[in-house]
Amino acid sequence: MEIESKKTFKTGFVLKEPDLRRLVDTVHEQFAKLPGTPKSSGTFRLKLRNGAMLDSPSLDEVLSLENGGSSQLVRLKYEHKVDPDDKTTHARFEFINVDIDEESSYTSMQFQVNGANRDWVFVSSSLLEERCERLRRFALNQISGKGPTALLFRLIPSLITLLVVVGMLMSMFHSIDNRPQVSKLLEGAIQAGTVKEPIDAILFVQKQQDRMKFAKEIIPIRFFIGIGVFLLLGAFAWLFLLRYYPVYNFCWGEYAEEFQRKESRRQFWLVIIVIGLVVSFFGSVFANNVGTLKKWFGP
């Protein structure tokens, strides 16, 4: 009876040379534990960015590839079988750059183990899963899929935008509705003694009406400016992640240098942004409480 165990991942990955060697060694070690230690062999099938397909039995040959530009690796599959071809006992794992490979879905990592020995299949599958788990990297597409939870996550950006718009509209209408009446302002000015003559009262009322008219005109403008700034910041954050957060990574050859450069730049800019936010926050707190500080420490 044939036993099968497989698993797929819809996350990003960072596959480095030592990781690939460990995966291949794990498969070799498991096949060496089969009863009678039958002869077995493995083959790599590679797909490059320019569409070329390569087959190789050598791990060193795979790791010696240029892996950059049009020759960048977008799909790597390793399959190990008992010789001669045994349709019952075989194992394979595959890594796919979902952003580039047009033939793939959201599945970026997968493995499958088949065999007649149940314990061997389950142990081999468990070891491969453990290796793959260590390579996972957060990716937005890992929340895709079926079911209400996936749908909720896909709607989160739209819900956030809607909440911001509603909040700004409520704030705008609250500001308009809660403006003090001109009559109350005039009454307060008379009681304070700033308005004494009828001509002064007329000028005071006219000035207040002009200010309210200006506020009524400027609040919608501020609203649309706020929405524009929010959308621009969201677009900037998205472009920043696309440029400096590579999700599917075969880290050897030329790409290893490119990957390290992007990681360093992302970390640098994140530190700058965090420092800027902290300085801005404490600067705002200081400016708002400068009067209190003067009372505490004197002139």
Protein backbone atom coordinates (compact mmCIF):
# COMPACT_ATOMS: atom_id res chain seq x y z
CA MET A 1 0.00 0.00 0.00
CA GLU A 2 1.37 3.41 -0.94
CA ILE A 3 1.42 6.14 1.73
CA GLU A 4 1.58 9.81 0.77
CA SER A 5 2.34 12.90 2.85
CA LYS A 6 2.55 16.41 1.44
CA LYS A 7 2.24 20.04 2.43
CA THR A 8 2.14 23.41 0.71
CA PHE A 9 3.10 26.87 2.01
CA LYS A 10 1.77 30.24 0.88
CA THR A 11 4.41 32.37 2.58
CA GLY A 12 7.63 33.90 1.41
CA PHE A 13 10.97 32.17 1.91
CA VAL A 14 14.67 32.87 2.22
CA LEU A 15 16.52 29.85 0.82
CA LYS A 16 20.29 30.10 1.25
CA GLU A 17 22.99 27.68 0.13
CA PRO A 18 23.34 25.96 3.56
CA ASP A 19 19.56 25.55 3.75
CA LEU A 20 19.36 23.87 0.35
CA ARG A 21 22.24 21.55 1.25
CA ARG A 22 20.47 20.56 4.49
CA LEU A 23 17.25 19.79 2.63
CA VAL A 24 19.04 17.60 0.10
CA ASP A 25 21.08 15.89 2.84
CA THR A 26 17.88 15.20 4.78
CA VAL A 27 16.36 13.43 1.78
CA HIS A 28 19.55 11.45 1.16
CA GLU A 29 19.74 10.37 4.81
CA GLN A 30 16.14 9.22 4.80
CA PHE A 31 16.57 7.15 1.64
CA ALA A 32 19.68 5.58 3.19
CA LYS A 33 17.45 4.29 6.00
CA LEU A 34 15.21 2.28 3.66
CA PRO A 35 15.39 -1.50 4.14
CA GLY A 36 18.18 -2.99 2.07
CA THR A 37 19.56 0.54 1.35
CA PRO A 38 18.52 0.51 -2.32
CA LYS A 39 20.37 2.65 -4.82
CA SER A 40 18.72 6.04 -5.29
CA SER A 41 19.39 9.33 -7.01
CA GLY A 42 17.99 12.83 -7.20
CA THR A 43 17.52 15.38 -9.98
CA PHE A 44 17.07 19.15 -9.92
CA ARG A 45 14.78 20.92 -12.34
CA LEU A 46 15.28 24.66 -12.55
CA LYS A 47 13.39 27.45 -14.26
CA LEU A 48 15.11 30.78 -14.96
CA ARG A 49 13.59 34.21 -15.40
CA ASN A 50 14.17 34.13 -19.16
CA GLY A 51 12.03 30.96 -19.37
CA ALA A 52 14.89 28.50 -19.76
CA MET A 53 14.49 25.09 -18.12
CA LEU A 54 17.52 23.22 -16.77
CA ASP A 55 17.94 19.71 -15.40
CA SER A 56 20.92 18.71 -13.30
CA PRO A 57 21.77 15.88 -10.87
CA SER A 58 24.48 18.02 -9.20
CA LEU A 59 23.79 20.32 -6.24
CA ASP A 60 27.13 22.09 -6.77
CA GLU A 61 26.15 22.84 -10.36
CA VAL A 62 22.88 24.38 -9.17
CA LEU A 63 24.70 26.56 -6.63
CA SER A 64 27.25 27.67 -9.23
CA LEU A 65 24.55 29.26 -11.43
CA GLU A 66 24.76 33.00 -12.10
CA ASN A 67 21.31 33.57 -10.54
CA GLY A 68 21.03 37.19 -11.60
CA GLY A 69 19.34 39.33 -14.25
CA SER A 70 17.59 37.29 -16.93
CA SER A 71 19.23 34.16 -15.48
CA GLN A 72 17.66 34.68 -12.06
CA LEU A 73 16.20 31.50 -10.60
CA VAL A 74 12.40 31.52 -10.25
CA ARG A 75 11.63 27.85 -9.61
CA LEU A 76 13.64 25.01 -8.08
CA LYS A 77 12.39 21.45 -7.83
CA TYR A 78 14.29 18.49 -6.42
CA GLU A 79 13.01 14.95 -6.84
CA HIS A 80 14.64 11.83 -5.37
CA LYS A 81 13.75 8.29 -6.48
CA VAL A 82 14.85 4.73 -5.94
CA ASP A 83 16.67 3.31 -8.96
CA PRO A 84 15.45 1.88 -11.25
CA ASP A 85 12.36 4.11 -11.42
CA ASP A 86 10.16 3.21 -8.49
CA LYS A 87 6.69 4.72 -8.64
CA THR A 88 6.05 3.88 -5.01
CA THR A 89 9.01 5.42 -3.13
CA HIS A 90 10.02 8.98 -3.97
CA ALA A 91 10.30 12.41 -2.36
CA ARG A 92 10.36 15.91 -3.76
CA PHE A 93 10.39 19.52 -2.65
CA GLU A 94 9.90 22.71 -4.63
CA PHE A 95 10.43 26.46 -4.17
CA ILE A 96 8.75 29.03 -6.42
CA ASN A 97 9.16 32.80 -6.80
CA VAL A 98 5.45 33.56 -7.05
CA ASP A 99 6.04 37.20 -8.01
CA ILE A 100 7.88 36.26 -11.21
CA ASP A 101 6.71 32.78 -12.21
CA GLU A 102 3.54 33.28 -14.24
CA GLU A 103 2.58 29.61 -14.10
CA SER A 104 2.27 29.43 -10.30
CA SER A 105 -0.52 30.21 -7.88
CA TYR A 106 0.16 31.53 -4.37
CA THR A 107 1.95 28.30 -3.38
CA SER A 108 5.63 29.15 -2.89
CA MET A 109 6.95 26.05 -1.05
CA GLN A 110 5.78 22.46 -1.16
CA PHE A 111 7.00 18.96 -0.54
CA GLN A 112 5.68 15.43 -1.02
CA VAL A 113 6.85 12.04 0.25
CA ASN A 114 5.54 8.71 -1.04
CA GLY A 115 6.43 5.21 0.10
CA ALA A 116 5.16 1.83 1.26
CA ASN A 117 6.60 2.24 4.78
CA ARG A 118 4.27 4.45 6.80
CA ASP A 119 6.81 5.31 9.52
CA TRP A 120 9.44 6.23 6.94
CA VAL A 121 7.01 8.47 5.07
CA PHE A 122 5.83 10.29 8.20
CA VAL A 123 9.33 10.79 9.62
CA SER A 124 10.65 12.04 6.28
CA SER A 125 7.68 14.39 5.91
CA SER A 126 8.15 15.73 9.43
CA LEU A 127 11.83 16.47 8.81
CA LEU A 128 11.11 18.29 5.55
CA GLU A 129 8.33 20.30 7.17
CA GLU A 130 10.65 21.35 9.99
CA ARG A 131 13.23 22.52 7.47
CA CYS A 132 10.67 24.46 5.44
CA GLU A 133 9.20 26.14 8.52
CA ARG A 134 12.60 27.67 9.27
CA LEU A 135 12.72 29.24 5.82
CA ARG A 136 9.37 31.02 6.01
CA ARG A 137 9.20 34.77 5.51
CA PHE A 138 6.15 36.95 6.04
CA ALA A 139 4.30 37.81 2.84
CA LEU A 140 0.98 39.54 2.30
CA ASN A 141 -0.20 36.72 0.06
CA GLN A 142 -0.03 34.28 2.96
CA ILE A 143 -3.40 35.65 4.07
CA SER A 144 -4.95 34.73 0.73
CA GLY A 145 -6.93 31.61 0.21
CA LYS A 146 -10.48 30.52 0.93
CA GLY A 147 -12.82 31.08 3.81
CA PRO A 148 -14.22 34.06 5.75
CA THR A 149 -10.95 34.76 7.60
CA ALA A 150 -9.01 35.19 4.35
CA LEU A 151 -11.76 37.46 3.00
CA LEU A 152 -11.60 39.59 6.16
CA PHE A 153 -7.84 40.04 5.85
CA ARG A 154 -8.13 41.01 2.21
CA LEU A 155 -10.68 43.67 3.17
CA ILE A 156 -8.55 45.17 5.97
CA PRO A 157 -6.86 47.88 3.78
CA SER A 158 -10.24 48.99 2.43
CA LEU A 159 -11.74 48.99 5.94
CA ILE A 160 -8.87 51.13 7.28
CA THR A 161 -9.29 53.64 4.45
CA LEU A 162 -13.06 53.77 5.02
CA LEU A 163 -12.60 54.33 8.77
CA VAL A 164 -10.15 57.17 8.14
CA VAL A 165 -12.54 58.85 5.70
CA VAL A 166 -15.51 58.48 8.07
CA GLY A 167 -13.45 59.77 11.00
CA MET A 168 -12.33 62.84 9.09
CA LEU A 169 -15.89 63.54 7.91
CA MET A 170 -17.21 63.28 11.48
CA SER A 171 -14.47 65.57 12.71
CA MET A 172 -15.28 68.08 9.97
CA PHE A 173 -19.01 68.15 10.74
CA HIS A 174 -18.30 68.27 14.49
CA SER A 175 -16.12 71.32 13.98
CA ILE A 176 -18.82 73.03 11.92
CA ASP A 177 -21.69 72.18 14.28
CA ASN A 178 -19.85 73.20 17.43
CA ARG A 179 -18.77 76.66 16.38
CA PRO A 180 -19.94 79.31 18.87
CA GLN A 181 -22.83 81.53 17.69
CA VAL A 182 -22.02 85.11 16.70
CA SER A 183 -24.50 86.43 19.25
CA LYS A 184 -22.75 84.61 22.08
CA LEU A 185 -19.37 85.86 20.90
CA LEU A 186 -20.72 89.43 20.79
CA GLU A 187 -22.23 89.06 24.26
CA GLY A 188 -18.92 87.80 25.60
CA ALA A 189 -17.04 90.68 23.97
CA ILE A 190 -19.46 93.24 25.49
CA GLN A 191 -19.09 91.70 28.94
CA ALA A 192 -15.32 91.72 28.57
CA GLY A 193 -15.43 95.39 27.60
CA THR A 194 -13.77 94.96 24.21
CA VAL A 195 -16.93 96.12 22.40
CA LYS A 196 -18.58 99.35 23.67
CA GLU A 197 -19.96 101.31 20.73
CA PRO A 198 -22.60 100.19 18.18
CA ILE A 199 -20.16 100.65 15.30
CA ASP A 200 -17.69 98.38 17.11
CA ALA A 201 -20.43 95.74 17.51
CA ILE A 202 -21.23 95.86 13.77
CA LEU A 203 -17.55 95.45 12.86
CA PHE A 204 -17.16 92.64 15.38
CA VAL A 205 -20.15 90.73 13.96
CA GLN A 206 -18.89 91.18 10.38
CA LYS A 207 -15.41 89.90 11.30
CA GLN A 208 -16.86 86.83 13.01
CA GLN A 209 -19.09 86.06 10.04
CA ASP A 210 -16.10 86.38 7.67
CA ARG A 211 -14.06 84.00 9.85
CA MET A 212 -16.85 81.42 9.96
CA LYS A 213 -17.33 81.63 6.20
CA PHE A 214 -13.61 81.07 5.69
CA ALA A 215 -13.61 78.12 8.14
CA LYS A 216 -16.58 76.56 6.35
CA GLU A 217 -14.71 76.79 3.05
CA ILE A 218 -11.33 75.62 4.36
CA ILE A 219 -12.51 72.54 6.32
CA PRO A 220 -13.49 70.51 3.21
CA ILE A 221 -10.17 71.48 1.61
CA ARG A 222 -8.32 70.21 4.67
CA PHE A 223 -10.38 67.03 4.51
CA PHE A 224 -9.38 66.26 0.93
CA ILE A 225 -5.77 67.20 1.63
CA GLY A 226 -5.79 64.80 4.59
CA ILE A 227 -7.20 61.99 2.45
CA GLY A 228 -4.59 62.69 -0.21
CA VAL A 229 -1.76 62.61 2.33
CA PHE A 230 -3.09 59.35 3.78
CA LEU A 231 -3.26 57.70 0.34
CA LEU A 232 0.21 58.98 -0.59
CA LEU A 233 1.67 57.58 2.62
CA GLY A 234 -0.04 54.24 1.95
CA ALA A 235 1.32 54.15 -1.60
CA PHE A 236 4.80 55.07 -0.34
CA ALA A 237 4.72 52.28 2.26
CA TRP A 238 3.59 49.76 -0.38
CA LEU A 239 6.31 50.80 -2.85
CA PHE A 240 8.89 50.74 -0.05
CA LEU A 241 7.99 47.14 0.77
CA LEU A 242 8.02 46.11 -2.89
CA ARG A 243 11.50 47.58 -3.37
CA TYR A 244 13.21 46.70 -0.11
CA TYR A 245 11.36 43.62 1.14
CA PRO A 246 11.95 40.77 -1.34
CA VAL A 247 9.65 37.91 -0.44
CA TYR A 248 10.84 34.89 -2.45
CA ASN A 249 14.60 34.52 -2.31
CA PHE A 250 17.09 32.02 -3.71
CA CYS A 251 20.15 33.45 -1.94
CA TRP A 252 23.25 32.40 -3.83
CA GLY A 253 25.15 33.68 -6.84
CA GLU A 254 24.58 37.31 -7.80
CA TYR A 255 21.25 37.47 -6.04
CA ALA A 256 22.82 36.93 -2.59
CA GLU A 257 24.54 40.31 -2.85
CA GLU A 258 21.36 42.02 -4.09
CA PHE A 259 19.31 40.48 -1.26
CA GLN A 260 21.77 41.65 1.40
CA ARG A 261 21.82 45.15 -0.06
CA LYS A 262 18.02 45.43 0.05
CA GLU A 263 17.89 44.09 3.61
CA SER A 264 20.49 46.62 4.78
CA ARG A 265 18.72 49.55 3.12
CA ARG A 266 15.33 48.57 4.55
CA GLN A 267 16.73 48.31 8.06
CA PHE A 268 18.53 51.65 7.68
CA TRP A 269 15.42 53.51 6.52
CA LEU A 270 13.24 51.90 9.17
CA VAL A 271 15.67 53.07 11.86
CA ILE A 272 15.62 56.60 10.39
CA ILE A 273 11.81 56.63 10.30
CA VAL A 274 11.51 55.34 13.89
CA ILE A 275 14.02 57.90 15.15
CA GLY A 276 12.15 60.66 13.29
CA LEU A 277 8.82 59.62 14.83
CA VAL A 278 10.32 59.49 18.34
CA VAL A 279 11.96 62.92 17.97
CA SER A 280 8.74 64.36 16.55
CA PHE A 281 6.68 62.91 19.41
CA PHE A 282 8.91 64.21 22.19
CA GLY A 283 9.28 67.56 20.40
CA SER A 284 5.49 67.90 20.28
CA VAL A 285 5.18 66.94 23.96
CA PHE A 286 7.84 69.48 24.90
CA ALA A 287 6.21 72.27 22.83
CA ASN A 288 2.79 71.61 24.38
CA ASN A 289 4.13 71.62 27.92
CA VAL A 290 6.68 74.42 27.71
CA GLY A 291 4.50 76.60 29.95
CA THR A 292 4.32 73.95 32.64
CA LEU A 293 8.08 73.47 32.47
CA LYS A 294 8.63 77.18 32.98
CA LYS A 295 6.48 77.08 36.10
CA TRP A 296 8.44 74.15 37.46
CA PHE A 297 11.93 75.41 36.70
CA GLY A 298 11.36 79.15 36.71
CA PRO A 299 12.18 81.74 34.02
